[in-house]
PDB file of all heavy atoms in Angstrom:
ATOM      1  N   GLU A   1     -25.220  29.840 -67.943  1.00  0.00           N
ATOM      2  CA  GLU A   1     -25.477  31.063 -68.747  1.00  0.00           C
ATOM      3  C   GLU A   1     -25.000  32.188 -68.241  1.00  0.00           C
ATOM      4  O   GLU A   1     -24.387  33.140 -68.930  1.00  0.00           O
ATOM      5  CB  GLU A   1     -27.010  31.118 -69.014  1.00  0.00           C
ATOM      6  CG  GLU A   1     -27.681  30.023 -69.692  1.00  0.00           C
ATOM      7  CD  GLU A   1     -29.260  30.056 -69.767  1.00  0.00           C
ATOM      8  OE1 GLU A   1     -29.827  31.086 -69.338  1.00  0.00           O
ATOM      9  OE2 GLU A   1     -29.799  29.050 -70.189  1.00  0.00           O
ATOM     10  N   VAL A   2     -24.958  32.407 -66.864  1.00  0.00           N
ATOM     11  CA  VAL A   2     -24.376  33.637 -66.150  1.00  0.00           C
ATOM     12  C   VAL A   2     -23.023  33.669 -66.553  1.00  0.00           C
ATOM     13  O   VAL A   2     -22.371  34.824 -66.994  1.00  0.00           O
ATOM     14  CB  VAL A   2     -24.667  33.618 -64.647  1.00  0.00           C
ATOM     15  CG1 VAL A   2     -23.828  34.668 -64.019  1.00  0.00           C
ATOM     16  CG2 VAL A   2     -26.141  33.842 -64.422  1.00  0.00           C
ATOM     17  N   PHE A   3     -22.262  32.647 -66.322  1.00  0.00           N
ATOM     18  CA  PHE A   3     -20.674  32.578 -66.625  1.00  0.00           C
ATOM     19  C   PHE A   3     -20.392  32.798 -68.150  1.00  0.00           C
ATOM     20  O   PHE A   3     -19.460  33.561 -68.501  1.00  0.00           O
ATOM     21  CB  PHE A   3     -20.059  31.416 -66.052  1.00  0.00           C
ATOM     22  CG  PHE A   3     -19.888  31.572 -64.559  1.00  0.00           C
ATOM     23  CD1 PHE A   3     -20.706  30.816 -63.708  1.00  0.00           C
ATOM     24  CD2 PHE A   3     -18.911  32.393 -64.060  1.00  0.00           C
ATOM     25  CE1 PHE A   3     -20.510  30.910 -62.456  1.00  0.00           C
ATOM     26  CE2 PHE A   3     -18.754  32.451 -62.650  1.00  0.00           C
ATOM     27  CZ  PHE A   3     -19.433  31.708 -61.897  1.00  0.00           C
ATOM     28  N   LEU A   4     -21.210  32.118 -69.013  1.00  0.00           N
ATOM     29  CA  LEU A   4     -21.022  32.493 -70.474  1.00  0.00           C
ATOM     30  C   LEU A   4     -21.286  33.844 -70.780  1.00  0.00           C
ATOM     31  O   LEU A   4     -20.517  34.381 -71.656  1.00  0.00           O
ATOM     32  CB  LEU A   4     -22.095  31.455 -71.150  1.00  0.00           C
ATOM     33  CG  LEU A   4     -21.653  29.958 -71.231  1.00  0.00           C
ATOM     34  CD1 LEU A   4     -22.785  29.118 -71.909  1.00  0.00           C
ATOM     35  CD2 LEU A   4     -20.329  29.780 -72.037  1.00  0.00           C
ATOM     36  N   THR A   5     -22.281  34.495 -70.246  1.00  0.00           N
ATOM     37  CA  THR A   5     -22.450  35.967 -70.601  1.00  0.00           C
ATOM     38  C   THR A   5     -21.430  36.742 -70.041  1.00  0.00           C
ATOM     39  O   THR A   5     -20.996  37.588 -70.716  1.00  0.00           O
ATOM     40  CB  THR A   5     -23.926  36.341 -69.849  1.00  0.00           C
ATOM     41  OG1 THR A   5     -24.967  35.383 -70.391  1.00  0.00           O
ATOM     42  CG2 THR A   5     -24.294  37.705 -70.117  1.00  0.00           C
ATOM     43  N   ILE A   6     -20.927  36.430 -68.801  1.00  0.00           N
ATOM     44  CA  ILE A   6     -19.847  37.260 -68.293  1.00  0.00           C
ATOM     45  C   ILE A   6     -18.647  37.085 -69.230  1.00  0.00           C
ATOM     46  O   ILE A   6     -17.993  38.112 -69.571  1.00  0.00           O
ATOM     47  CB  ILE A   6     -19.462  36.783 -66.864  1.00  0.00           C
ATOM     48  CG1 ILE A   6     -20.494  37.242 -65.896  1.00  0.00           C
ATOM     49  CG2 ILE A   6     -18.096  37.345 -66.467  1.00  0.00           C
ATOM     50  CD1 ILE A   6     -20.386  36.679 -64.460  1.00  0.00           C
ATOM     51  N   TRP A   7     -18.360  35.870 -69.741  1.00  0.00           N
ATOM     52  CA  TRP A   7     -17.131  35.853 -70.583  1.00  0.00           C
ATOM     53  C   TRP A   7     -17.438  36.426 -72.017  1.00  0.00           C
ATOM     54  O   TRP A   7     -16.552  37.200 -72.512  1.00  0.00           O
ATOM     55  CB  TRP A   7     -16.967  34.433 -70.895  1.00  0.00           C
ATOM     56  CG  TRP A   7     -15.680  34.129 -71.799  1.00  0.00           C
ATOM     57  CD1 TRP A   7     -15.752  33.791 -73.119  1.00  0.00           C
ATOM     58  CD2 TRP A   7     -14.290  34.377 -71.394  1.00  0.00           C
ATOM     59  NE1 TRP A   7     -14.534  33.798 -73.612  1.00  0.00           N
ATOM     60  CE2 TRP A   7     -13.649  34.161 -72.608  1.00  0.00           C
ATOM     61  CE3 TRP A   7     -13.733  34.781 -70.295  1.00  0.00           C
ATOM     62  CZ2 TRP A   7     -12.256  34.278 -72.732  1.00  0.00           C
ATOM     63  CZ3 TRP A   7     -12.312  34.962 -70.415  1.00  0.00           C
ATOM     64  CH2 TRP A   7     -11.595  34.715 -71.581  1.00  0.00           C
ATOM     65  N   SER A   8     -18.610  36.232 -72.382  1.00  0.00           N
ATOM     66  CA  SER A   8     -18.982  36.977 -73.713  1.00  0.00           C
ATOM     67  C   SER A   8     -18.968  38.388 -73.816  1.00  0.00           C
ATOM     68  O   SER A   8     -18.619  39.048 -74.727  1.00  0.00           O
ATOM     69  CB  SER A   8     -20.285  36.498 -74.183  1.00  0.00           C
ATOM     70  OG  SER A   8     -20.345  35.195 -74.332  1.00  0.00           O
ATOM     71  N   ASN A   9     -19.438  38.948 -72.575  1.00  0.00           N
ATOM     72  CA  ASN A   9     -19.526  40.441 -72.643  1.00  0.00           C
ATOM     73  C   ASN A   9     -18.376  41.133 -71.859  1.00  0.00           C
ATOM     74  O   ASN A   9     -18.483  42.287 -71.374  1.00  0.00           O
ATOM     75  CB  ASN A   9     -20.787  40.853 -71.849  1.00  0.00           C
ATOM     76  CG  ASN A   9     -22.121  40.353 -72.691  1.00  0.00           C
ATOM     77  OD1 ASN A   9     -21.992  40.366 -73.984  1.00  0.00           O
ATOM     78  ND2 ASN A   9     -23.050  40.012 -72.045  1.00  0.00           N
ATOM     79  N   ARG A  10     -17.306  40.413 -71.589  1.00  0.00           N
ATOM     80  CA  ARG A  10     -16.292  40.801 -70.744  1.00  0.00           C
ATOM     81  C   ARG A  10     -15.505  42.127 -71.185  1.00  0.00           C
ATOM     82  O   ARG A  10     -15.076  42.941 -70.388  1.00  0.00           O
ATOM     83  CB  ARG A  10     -15.038  39.779 -70.683  1.00  0.00           C
ATOM     84  CG  ARG A  10     -14.359  39.582 -71.886  1.00  0.00           C
ATOM     85  CD  ARG A  10     -13.472  38.313 -71.782  1.00  0.00           C
ATOM     86  NE  ARG A  10     -12.753  38.103 -72.901  1.00  0.00           N
ATOM     87  CZ  ARG A  10     -13.308  37.292 -73.952  1.00  0.00           C
ATOM     88  NH1 ARG A  10     -14.516  36.920 -73.934  1.00  0.00           N
ATOM     89  NH2 ARG A  10     -12.565  37.007 -75.119  1.00  0.00           N
ATOM     90  N   HIS A  11     -15.579  42.415 -72.444  1.00  0.00           N
ATOM     91  CA  HIS A  11     -14.986  43.698 -73.089  1.00  0.00           C
ATOM     92  C   HIS A  11     -15.921  44.874 -72.832  1.00  0.00           C
ATOM     93  O   HIS A  11     -15.345  46.045 -72.716  1.00  0.00           O
ATOM     94  CB  HIS A  11     -14.526  43.564 -74.479  1.00  0.00           C
ATOM     95  CG  HIS A  11     -13.564  42.542 -74.636  1.00  0.00           C
ATOM     96  ND1 HIS A  11     -12.331  42.527 -74.249  1.00  0.00           N
ATOM     97  CD2 HIS A  11     -13.658  41.278 -75.357  1.00  0.00           C
ATOM     98  CE1 HIS A  11     -11.600  41.549 -74.502  1.00  0.00           C
ATOM     99  NE2 HIS A  11     -12.359  40.674 -75.343  1.00  0.00           N
ATOM    100  N   LYS A  12     -17.118  44.653 -72.737  1.00  0.00           N
ATOM    101  CA  LYS A  12     -18.178  45.803 -72.738  1.00  0.00           C
ATOM    102  C   LYS A  12     -18.762  46.038 -71.304  1.00  0.00           C
ATOM    103  O   LYS A  12     -19.427  46.950 -71.066  1.00  0.00           O
ATOM    104  CB  LYS A  12     -19.122  45.827 -73.881  1.00  0.00           C
ATOM    105  CG  LYS A  12     -19.956  44.541 -73.835  1.00  0.00           C
ATOM    106  CD  LYS A  12     -20.803  44.498 -75.071  1.00  0.00           C
ATOM    107  CE  LYS A  12     -21.381  43.085 -75.268  1.00  0.00           C
ATOM    108  NZ  LYS A  12     -21.996  42.825 -76.565  1.00  0.00           N
ATOM    109  N   THR A  13     -18.455  45.122 -70.467  1.00  0.00           N
ATOM    110  CA  THR A  13     -19.156  45.231 -69.080  1.00  0.00           C
ATOM    111  C   THR A  13     -18.168  46.038 -68.160  1.00  0.00           C
ATOM    112  O   THR A  13     -16.971  45.829 -68.075  1.00  0.00           O
ATOM    113  CB  THR A  13     -19.350  43.719 -68.463  1.00  0.00           C
ATOM    114  OG1 THR A  13     -20.128  42.998 -69.319  1.00  0.00           O
ATOM    115  CG2 THR A  13     -19.944  43.947 -67.159  1.00  0.00           C
ATOM    116  N   THR A  14     -18.863  47.036 -67.422  1.00  0.00           N
ATOM    117  CA  THR A  14     -18.097  47.699 -66.376  1.00  0.00           C
ATOM    118  C   THR A  14     -18.889  47.466 -65.057  1.00  0.00           C
ATOM    119  O   THR A  14     -20.205  47.292 -65.071  1.00  0.00           O
ATOM    120  CB  THR A  14     -18.010  49.156 -66.605  1.00  0.00           C
ATOM    121  OG1 THR A  14     -19.405  49.631 -66.863  1.00  0.00           O
ATOM    122  CG2 THR A  14     -17.131  49.400 -67.858  1.00  0.00           C
ATOM    123  N   LEU A  15     -18.226  47.394 -63.947  1.00  0.00           N
ATOM    124  CA  LEU A  15     -18.858  47.235 -62.631  1.00  0.00           C
ATOM    125  C   LEU A  15     -19.173  48.596 -62.054  1.00  0.00           C
ATOM    126  O   LEU A  15     -18.324  49.396 -61.944  1.00  0.00           O
ATOM    127  CB  LEU A  15     -17.846  46.466 -61.719  1.00  0.00           C
ATOM    128  CG  LEU A  15     -17.385  45.006 -62.110  1.00  0.00           C
ATOM    129  CD1 LEU A  15     -16.551  44.485 -61.140  1.00  0.00           C
ATOM    130  CD2 LEU A  15     -18.624  44.226 -62.372  1.00  0.00           C
ATOM    131  N   LYS A  16     -20.501  48.637 -61.805  1.00  0.00           N
ATOM    132  CA  LYS A  16     -20.969  49.804 -61.086  1.00  0.00           C
ATOM    133  C   LYS A  16     -20.834  49.716 -59.535  1.00  0.00           C
ATOM    134  O   LYS A  16     -20.462  50.700 -58.816  1.00  0.00           O
ATOM    135  CB  LYS A  16     -22.461  50.120 -61.346  1.00  0.00           C
ATOM    136  CG  LYS A  16     -22.965  51.371 -60.853  1.00  0.00           C
ATOM    137  CD  LYS A  16     -24.389  51.648 -61.365  1.00  0.00           C
ATOM    138  CE  LYS A  16     -24.906  52.812 -60.833  1.00  0.00           C
ATOM    139  NZ  LYS A  16     -26.267  53.109 -61.201  1.00  0.00           N
ATOM    140  N   TYR A  17     -20.964  48.502 -59.114  1.00  0.00           N
ATOM    141  CA  TYR A  17     -20.731  48.106 -57.551  1.00  0.00           C
ATOM    142  C   TYR A  17     -19.731  46.953 -57.601  1.00  0.00           C
ATOM    143  O   TYR A  17     -18.846  46.985 -58.432  1.00  0.00           O
ATOM    144  CB  TYR A  17     -22.037  47.797 -57.097  1.00  0.00           C
ATOM    145  CG  TYR A  17     -23.160  48.740 -57.052  1.00  0.00           C
ATOM    146  CD1 TYR A  17     -24.208  48.675 -58.146  1.00  0.00           C
ATOM    147  CD2 TYR A  17     -23.080  49.853 -56.346  1.00  0.00           C
ATOM    148  CE1 TYR A  17     -25.199  49.584 -58.123  1.00  0.00           C
ATOM    149  CE2 TYR A  17     -23.978  50.886 -56.369  1.00  0.00           C
ATOM    150  CZ  TYR A  17     -24.947  50.781 -57.379  1.00  0.00           C
ATOM    151  OH  TYR A  17     -25.907  51.757 -57.497  1.00  0.00           O
ATOM    152  N   SER A  18     -19.709  46.110 -56.658  1.00  0.00           N
ATOM    153  CA  SER A  18     -18.825  45.033 -56.560  1.00  0.00           C
ATOM    154  C   SER A  18     -19.186  43.929 -57.583  1.00  0.00           C
ATOM    155  O   SER A  18     -20.215  43.873 -58.118  1.00  0.00           O
ATOM    156  CB  SER A  18     -18.859  44.467 -55.112  1.00  0.00           C
ATOM    157  OG  SER A  18     -20.094  43.783 -54.978  1.00  0.00           O
ATOM    158  N   PHE A  19     -18.081  43.087 -57.880  1.00  0.00           N
ATOM    159  CA  PHE A  19     -18.390  41.858 -58.764  1.00  0.00           C
ATOM    160  C   PHE A  19     -19.536  40.984 -58.158  1.00  0.00           C
ATOM    161  O   PHE A  19     -20.239  40.479 -58.891  1.00  0.00           O
ATOM    162  CB  PHE A  19     -17.142  41.072 -58.963  1.00  0.00           C
ATOM    163  CG  PHE A  19     -17.314  39.964 -59.862  1.00  0.00           C
ATOM    164  CD1 PHE A  19     -17.468  40.167 -61.276  1.00  0.00           C
ATOM    165  CD2 PHE A  19     -17.456  38.642 -59.269  1.00  0.00           C
ATOM    166  CE1 PHE A  19     -17.593  38.942 -62.011  1.00  0.00           C
ATOM    167  CE2 PHE A  19     -17.627  37.501 -60.135  1.00  0.00           C
ATOM    168  CZ  PHE A  19     -17.685  37.755 -61.489  1.00  0.00           C
ATOM    169  N   ARG A  20     -19.513  40.796 -56.891  1.00  0.00           N
ATOM    170  CA  ARG A  20     -20.505  39.978 -56.250  1.00  0.00           C
ATOM    171  C   ARG A  20     -21.860  40.530 -56.433  1.00  0.00           C
ATOM    172  O   ARG A  20     -22.842  39.731 -56.721  1.00  0.00           O
ATOM    173  CB  ARG A  20     -20.202  39.979 -54.728  1.00  0.00           C
ATOM    174  CG  ARG A  20     -21.167  39.120 -53.918  1.00  0.00           C
ATOM    175  CD  ARG A  20     -20.791  39.055 -52.419  1.00  0.00           C
ATOM    176  NE  ARG A  20     -19.530  38.475 -52.234  1.00  0.00           N
ATOM    177  CZ  ARG A  20     -19.366  37.306 -51.535  1.00  0.00           C
ATOM    178  NH1 ARG A  20     -20.376  36.760 -50.984  1.00  0.00           N
ATOM    179  NH2 ARG A  20     -18.165  36.884 -51.363  1.00  0.00           N
ATOM    180  N   THR A  21     -22.065  41.842 -56.360  1.00  0.00           N
ATOM    181  CA  THR A  21     -23.385  42.510 -56.634  1.00  0.00           C
ATOM    182  C   THR A  21     -23.745  42.247 -58.021  1.00  0.00           C
ATOM    183  O   THR A  21     -24.878  41.779 -58.482  1.00  0.00           O
ATOM    184  CB  THR A  21     -23.303  43.980 -56.224  1.00  0.00           C
ATOM    185  OG1 THR A  21     -23.023  44.189 -54.920  1.00  0.00           O
ATOM    186  CG2 THR A  21     -24.708  44.615 -56.634  1.00  0.00           C
ATOM    187  N   TYR A  22     -22.777  42.361 -58.996  1.00  0.00           N
ATOM    188  CA  TYR A  22     -22.985  42.107 -60.549  1.00  0.00           C
ATOM    189  C   TYR A  22     -23.485  40.887 -60.709  1.00  0.00           C
ATOM    190  O   TYR A  22     -24.389  40.473 -61.438  1.00  0.00           O
ATOM    191  CB  TYR A  22     -21.748  42.598 -61.181  1.00  0.00           C
ATOM    192  CG  TYR A  22     -21.813  42.282 -62.661  1.00  0.00           C
ATOM    193  CD1 TYR A  22     -22.540  42.964 -63.612  1.00  0.00           C
ATOM    194  CD2 TYR A  22     -21.269  41.077 -63.133  1.00  0.00           C
ATOM    195  CE1 TYR A  22     -22.587  42.578 -64.955  1.00  0.00           C
ATOM    196  CE2 TYR A  22     -21.271  40.739 -64.524  1.00  0.00           C
ATOM    197  CZ  TYR A  22     -22.008  41.549 -65.370  1.00  0.00           C
ATOM    198  OH  TYR A  22     -22.023  41.208 -66.702  1.00  0.00           O
ATOM    199  N   ILE A  23     -22.592  39.889 -60.247  1.00  0.00           N
ATOM    200  CA  ILE A  23     -23.006  38.397 -60.582  1.00  0.00           C
ATOM    201  C   ILE A  23     -24.355  38.002 -59.969  1.00  0.00           C
ATOM    202  O   ILE A  23     -25.159  37.141 -60.429  1.00  0.00           O
ATOM    203  CB  ILE A  23     -21.926  37.577 -60.255  1.00  0.00           C
ATOM    204  CG1 ILE A  23     -21.948  36.138 -61.145  1.00  0.00           C
ATOM    205  CG2 ILE A  23     -21.728  37.194 -58.772  1.00  0.00           C
ATOM    206  CD1 ILE A  23     -20.760  35.211 -61.010  1.00  0.00           C
ATOM    207  N   SER A  24     -24.664  38.609 -58.786  1.00  0.00           N
ATOM    208  CA  SER A  24     -25.850  38.128 -58.039  1.00  0.00           C
ATOM    209  C   SER A  24     -27.044  38.786 -58.907  1.00  0.00           C
ATOM    210  O   SER A  24     -28.074  37.985 -59.113  1.00  0.00           O
ATOM    211  CB  SER A  24     -25.971  38.877 -56.621  1.00  0.00           C
ATOM    212  OG  SER A  24     -24.928  38.303 -55.896  1.00  0.00           O
ATOM    213  N   ALA A  25     -26.962  39.910 -59.454  1.00  0.00           N
ATOM    214  CA  ALA A  25     -28.096  40.535 -60.212  1.00  0.00           C
ATOM    215  C   ALA A  25     -28.244  39.694 -61.542  1.00  0.00           C
ATOM    216  O   ALA A  25     -29.320  39.395 -61.968  1.00  0.00           O
ATOM    217  CB  ALA A  25     -27.816  42.019 -60.450  1.00  0.00           C
ATOM    218  N   ALA A  26     -27.095  39.452 -62.073  1.00  0.00           N
ATOM    219  CA  ALA A  26     -27.118  38.514 -63.377  1.00  0.00           C
ATOM    220  C   ALA A  26     -27.729  37.218 -63.149  1.00  0.00           C
ATOM    221  O   ALA A  26     -28.636  36.842 -63.940  1.00  0.00           O
ATOM    222  CB  ALA A  26     -25.661  38.301 -63.845  1.00  0.00           C
ATOM    223  N   LEU A  27     -27.499  36.536 -61.957  1.00  0.00           N
ATOM    224  CA  LEU A  27     -28.219  35.303 -61.620  1.00  0.00           C
ATOM    225  C   LEU A  27     -29.614  35.561 -61.495  1.00  0.00           C
ATOM    226  O   LEU A  27     -30.458  34.839 -61.949  1.00  0.00           O
ATOM    227  CB  LEU A  27     -27.524  34.757 -60.332  1.00  0.00           C
ATOM    228  CG  LEU A  27     -28.140  33.433 -59.843  1.00  0.00           C
ATOM    229  CD1 LEU A  27     -27.972  32.294 -61.056  1.00  0.00           C
ATOM    230  CD2 LEU A  27     -27.585  32.975 -58.542  1.00  0.00           C
ATOM    231  N   LYS A  28     -30.024  36.586 -60.668  1.00  0.00           N
ATOM    232  CA  LYS A  28     -31.421  36.882 -60.400  1.00  0.00           C
ATOM    233  C   LYS A  28     -32.090  37.050 -61.663  1.00  0.00           C
ATOM    234  O   LYS A  28     -33.219  36.424 -61.872  1.00  0.00           O
ATOM    235  CB  LYS A  28     -31.454  38.108 -59.505  1.00  0.00           C
ATOM    236  CG  LYS A  28     -32.939  38.556 -59.201  1.00  0.00           C
ATOM    237  CD  LYS A  28     -32.948  39.732 -58.196  1.00  0.00           C
ATOM    238  CE  LYS A  28     -32.463  40.945 -58.841  1.00  0.00           C
ATOM    239  NZ  LYS A  28     -32.724  42.086 -58.001  1.00  0.00           N
ATOM    240  N   TYR A  29     -31.766  37.788 -62.564  1.00  0.00           N
ATOM    241  CA  TYR A  29     -32.478  37.991 -63.795  1.00  0.00           C
ATOM    242  C   TYR A  29     -32.362  36.756 -64.649  1.00  0.00           C
ATOM    243  O   TYR A  29     -33.446  36.534 -65.367  1.00  0.00           O
ATOM    244  CB  TYR A  29     -31.805  39.168 -64.632  1.00  0.00           C
ATOM    245  CG  TYR A  29     -32.126  40.523 -63.925  1.00  0.00           C
ATOM    246  CD1 TYR A  29     -31.106  41.303 -63.431  1.00  0.00           C
ATOM    247  CD2 TYR A  29     -33.426  40.903 -63.642  1.00  0.00           C
ATOM    248  CE1 TYR A  29     -31.326  42.449 -62.762  1.00  0.00           C
ATOM    249  CE2 TYR A  29     -33.655  41.954 -62.986  1.00  0.00           C
ATOM    250  CZ  TYR A  29     -32.683  42.853 -62.499  1.00  0.00           C
ATOM    251  OH  TYR A  29     -32.838  44.042 -61.776  1.00  0.00           O
ATOM    252  N   SER A  30     -31.382  35.932 -64.560  1.00  0.00           N
ATOM    253  CA  SER A  30     -31.354  34.769 -65.398  1.00  0.00           C
ATOM    254  C   SER A  30     -32.391  33.683 -64.805  1.00  0.00           C
ATOM    255  O   SER A  30     -33.112  32.943 -65.505  1.00  0.00           O
ATOM    256  CB  SER A  30     -30.070  34.031 -65.275  1.00  0.00           C
ATOM    257  OG  SER A  30     -29.889  33.093 -66.292  1.00  0.00           O
ATOM    258  N   ILE A  31     -32.557  33.723 -63.447  1.00  0.00           N
ATOM    259  CA  ILE A  31     -33.538  32.849 -62.838  1.00  0.00           C
ATOM    260  C   ILE A  31     -34.956  33.379 -63.188  1.00  0.00           C
ATOM    261  O   ILE A  31     -35.910  32.573 -63.665  1.00  0.00           O
ATOM    262  CB  ILE A  31     -33.407  32.875 -61.311  1.00  0.00           C
ATOM    263  CG1 ILE A  31     -32.177  32.210 -60.934  1.00  0.00           C
ATOM    264  CG2 ILE A  31     -34.670  32.410 -60.659  1.00  0.00           C
ATOM    265  CD1 ILE A  31     -31.735  32.276 -59.426  1.00  0.00           C
ATOM    266  N   TYR A  32     -35.213  34.651 -63.275  1.00  0.00           N
ATOM    267  CA  TYR A  32     -36.518  35.205 -63.684  1.00  0.00           C
ATOM    268  C   TYR A  32     -36.788  34.857 -65.124  1.00  0.00           C
ATOM    269  O   TYR A  32     -37.846  34.536 -65.495  1.00  0.00           O
ATOM    270  CB  TYR A  32     -36.565  36.731 -63.538  1.00  0.00           C
ATOM    271  CG  TYR A  32     -36.485  37.328 -62.177  1.00  0.00           C
ATOM    272  CD1 TYR A  32     -35.924  38.543 -61.875  1.00  0.00           C
ATOM    273  CD2 TYR A  32     -36.948  36.595 -61.000  1.00  0.00           C
ATOM    274  CE1 TYR A  32     -35.868  39.152 -60.591  1.00  0.00           C
ATOM    275  CE2 TYR A  32     -36.930  37.108 -59.787  1.00  0.00           C
ATOM    276  CZ  TYR A  32     -36.348  38.282 -59.509  1.00  0.00           C
ATOM    277  OH  TYR A  32     -36.317  38.876 -58.261  1.00  0.00           O
ATOM    278  N   SER A  33     -35.758  34.959 -65.918  1.00  0.00           N
ATOM    279  CA  SER A  33     -36.037  34.554 -67.365  1.00  0.00           C
ATOM    280  C   SER A  33     -36.468  33.005 -67.430  1.00  0.00           C
ATOM    281  O   SER A  33     -37.264  32.670 -68.129  1.00  0.00           O
ATOM    282  CB  SER A  33     -34.674  34.843 -68.056  1.00  0.00           C
ATOM    283  OG  SER A  33     -34.810  34.401 -69.389  1.00  0.00           O
ATOM    284  N   LYS A  34     -35.672  32.198 -66.647  1.00  0.00           N
ATOM    285  CA  LYS A  34     -35.959  30.833 -66.724  1.00  0.00           C
ATOM    286  C   LYS A  34     -37.433  30.433 -66.218  1.00  0.00           C
ATOM    287  O   LYS A  34     -38.137  29.663 -66.667  1.00  0.00           O
ATOM    288  CB  LYS A  34     -35.003  30.036 -65.857  1.00  0.00           C
ATOM    289  CG  LYS A  34     -35.293  28.604 -65.732  1.00  0.00           C
ATOM    290  CD  LYS A  34     -35.227  27.896 -67.122  1.00  0.00           C
ATOM    291  CE  LYS A  34     -33.695  27.617 -67.515  1.00  0.00           C
ATOM    292  NZ  LYS A  34     -33.614  26.971 -68.815  1.00  0.00           N
ATOM    293  N   LEU A  35     -37.848  31.253 -65.133  1.00  0.00           N
ATOM    294  CA  LEU A  35     -39.227  31.020 -64.638  1.00  0.00           C
ATOM    295  C   LEU A  35     -40.274  31.462 -65.599  1.00  0.00           C
ATOM    296  O   LEU A  35     -41.318  30.835 -65.796  1.00  0.00           O
ATOM    297  CB  LEU A  35     -39.285  31.751 -63.332  1.00  0.00           C
ATOM    298  CG  LEU A  35     -38.593  31.166 -61.990  1.00  0.00           C
ATOM    299  CD1 LEU A  35     -38.648  32.180 -60.899  1.00  0.00           C
ATOM    300  CD2 LEU A  35     -39.148  29.783 -61.690  1.00  0.00           C
ATOM    301  N   ALA A  36     -39.933  32.587 -66.238  1.00  0.00           N
ATOM    302  CA  ALA A  36     -40.898  33.149 -67.334  1.00  0.00           C
ATOM    303  C   ALA A  36     -41.016  32.136 -68.422  1.00  0.00           C
ATOM    304  O   ALA A  36     -42.012  31.939 -69.135  1.00  0.00           O
ATOM    305  CB  ALA A  36     -40.426  34.529 -67.843  1.00  0.00           C
ATOM    306  N   SER A  37     -39.758  31.480 -68.901  1.00  0.00           N
ATOM    307  CA  SER A  37     -39.905  30.646 -69.971  1.00  0.00           C
ATOM    308  C   SER A  37     -40.645  29.293 -69.639  1.00  0.00           C
ATOM    309  O   SER A  37     -41.338  28.666 -70.376  1.00  0.00           O
ATOM    310  CB  SER A  37     -38.557  30.201 -70.544  1.00  0.00           C
ATOM    311  OG  SER A  37     -37.806  29.402 -69.537  1.00  0.00           O
ATOM    312  N   ARG A  38     -40.616  29.086 -68.310  1.00  0.00           N
ATOM    313  CA  ARG A  38     -41.415  27.821 -67.822  1.00  0.00           C
ATOM    314  C   ARG A  38     -42.830  28.047 -68.027  1.00  0.00           C
ATOM    315  O   ARG A  38     -43.700  27.109 -68.597  1.00  0.00           O
ATOM    316  CB  ARG A  38     -41.228  27.649 -66.311  1.00  0.00           C
ATOM    317  CG  ARG A  38     -40.147  26.685 -65.977  1.00  0.00           C
ATOM    318  CD  ARG A  38     -40.331  26.371 -64.444  1.00  0.00           C
ATOM    319  NE  ARG A  38     -39.029  25.998 -63.808  1.00  0.00           N
ATOM    320  CZ  ARG A  38     -38.794  25.842 -62.622  1.00  0.00           C
ATOM    321  NH1 ARG A  38     -39.758  26.319 -61.718  1.00  0.00           N
ATOM    322  NH2 ARG A  38     -37.690  25.419 -62.230  1.00  0.00           N
ATOM    323  N   LEU A  39     -43.359  29.308 -67.713  1.00  0.00           N
ATOM    324  CA  LEU A  39     -44.732  29.679 -67.878  1.00  0.00           C
ATOM    325  C   LEU A  39     -45.036  29.572 -69.357  1.00  0.00           C
ATOM    326  O   LEU A  39     -46.216  29.063 -69.769  1.00  0.00           O
ATOM    327  CB  LEU A  39     -45.106  31.065 -67.388  1.00  0.00           C
ATOM    328  CG  LEU A  39     -45.051  31.228 -65.957  1.00  0.00           C
ATOM    329  CD1 LEU A  39     -45.223  32.777 -65.641  1.00  0.00           C
ATOM    330  CD2 LEU A  39     -46.170  30.440 -65.221  1.00  0.00           C
ATOM    331  N   LYS A  40     -44.217  30.114 -70.248  1.00  0.00           N
ATOM    332  CA  LYS A  40     -44.402  30.134 -71.598  1.00  0.00           C
ATOM    333  C   LYS A  40     -44.560  28.811 -72.289  1.00  0.00           C
ATOM    334  O   LYS A  40     -45.414  28.580 -73.087  1.00  0.00           O
ATOM    335  CB  LYS A  40     -43.359  30.933 -72.286  1.00  0.00           C
ATOM    336  CG  LYS A  40     -43.519  31.309 -73.729  1.00  0.00           C
ATOM    337  CD  LYS A  40     -42.422  32.124 -74.292  1.00  0.00           C
ATOM    338  CE  LYS A  40     -42.516  32.432 -75.809  1.00  0.00           C
ATOM    339  NZ  LYS A  40     -41.375  33.219 -76.283  1.00  0.00           N
ATOM    340  N   TYR A  41     -43.736  27.864 -71.812  1.00  0.00           N
ATOM    341  CA  TYR A  41     -43.546  26.576 -72.532  1.00  0.00           C
ATOM    342  C   TYR A  41     -44.287  25.443 -71.745  1.00  0.00           C
ATOM    343  O   TYR A  41     -44.154  24.249 -72.199  1.00  0.00           O
ATOM    344  CB  TYR A  41     -42.185  26.213 -72.783  1.00  0.00           C
ATOM    345  CG  TYR A  41     -41.516  27.176 -73.835  1.00  0.00           C
ATOM    346  CD1 TYR A  41     -40.674  28.038 -73.357  1.00  0.00           C
ATOM    347  CD2 TYR A  41     -41.973  27.206 -75.170  1.00  0.00           C
ATOM    348  CE1 TYR A  41     -40.049  28.974 -74.296  1.00  0.00           C
ATOM    349  CE2 TYR A  41     -41.415  28.019 -76.108  1.00  0.00           C
ATOM    350  CZ  TYR A  41     -40.501  28.970 -75.575  1.00  0.00           C
ATOM    351  OH  TYR A  41     -39.947  29.949 -76.576  1.00  0.00           O
ATOM    352  N   GLN A  42     -45.041  25.658 -70.821  1.00  0.00           N
ATOM    353  CA  GLN A  42     -45.765  24.564 -70.097  1.00  0.00           C
ATOM    354  C   GLN A  42     -46.738  23.925 -71.079  1.00  0.00           C
ATOM    355  O   GLN A  42     -47.488  24.646 -71.747  1.00  0.00           O
ATOM    356  CB  GLN A  42     -46.663  25.231 -68.878  1.00  0.00           C
ATOM    357  CG  GLN A  42     -45.841  25.415 -67.593  1.00  0.00           C
ATOM    358  CD  GLN A  42     -46.645  25.863 -66.615  1.00  0.00           C
ATOM    359  OE1 GLN A  42     -47.634  26.527 -66.738  1.00  0.00           O
ATOM    360  NE2 GLN A  42     -46.212  25.638 -65.272  1.00  0.00           N
ATOM    361  N   ASN A  43     -46.654  22.641 -71.072  1.00  0.00           N
ATOM    362  CA  ASN A  43     -47.667  21.912 -71.933  1.00  0.00           C
ATOM    363  C   ASN A  43     -48.868  21.576 -71.048  1.00  0.00           C
ATOM    364  O   ASN A  43     -48.973  20.509 -70.440  1.00  0.00           O
ATOM    365  CB  ASN A  43     -46.998  20.600 -72.390  1.00  0.00           C
ATOM    366  CG  ASN A  43     -46.138  20.745 -73.584  1.00  0.00           C
ATOM    367  OD1 ASN A  43     -46.286  21.748 -74.269  1.00  0.00           O
ATOM    368  ND2 ASN A  43     -45.027  19.932 -73.800  1.00  0.00           N
TER     369      ASN A  43
END
């Protein structure tokens, strides 16, 4: 999902810091989102 988002948003994304920082933050938020959806959809 992180890589798909990077490709999909490539024209409108600008780097404020390094690419490594950007992709790390993107991964972190994607993980938080996955953890939140786990809580939401637990049976």
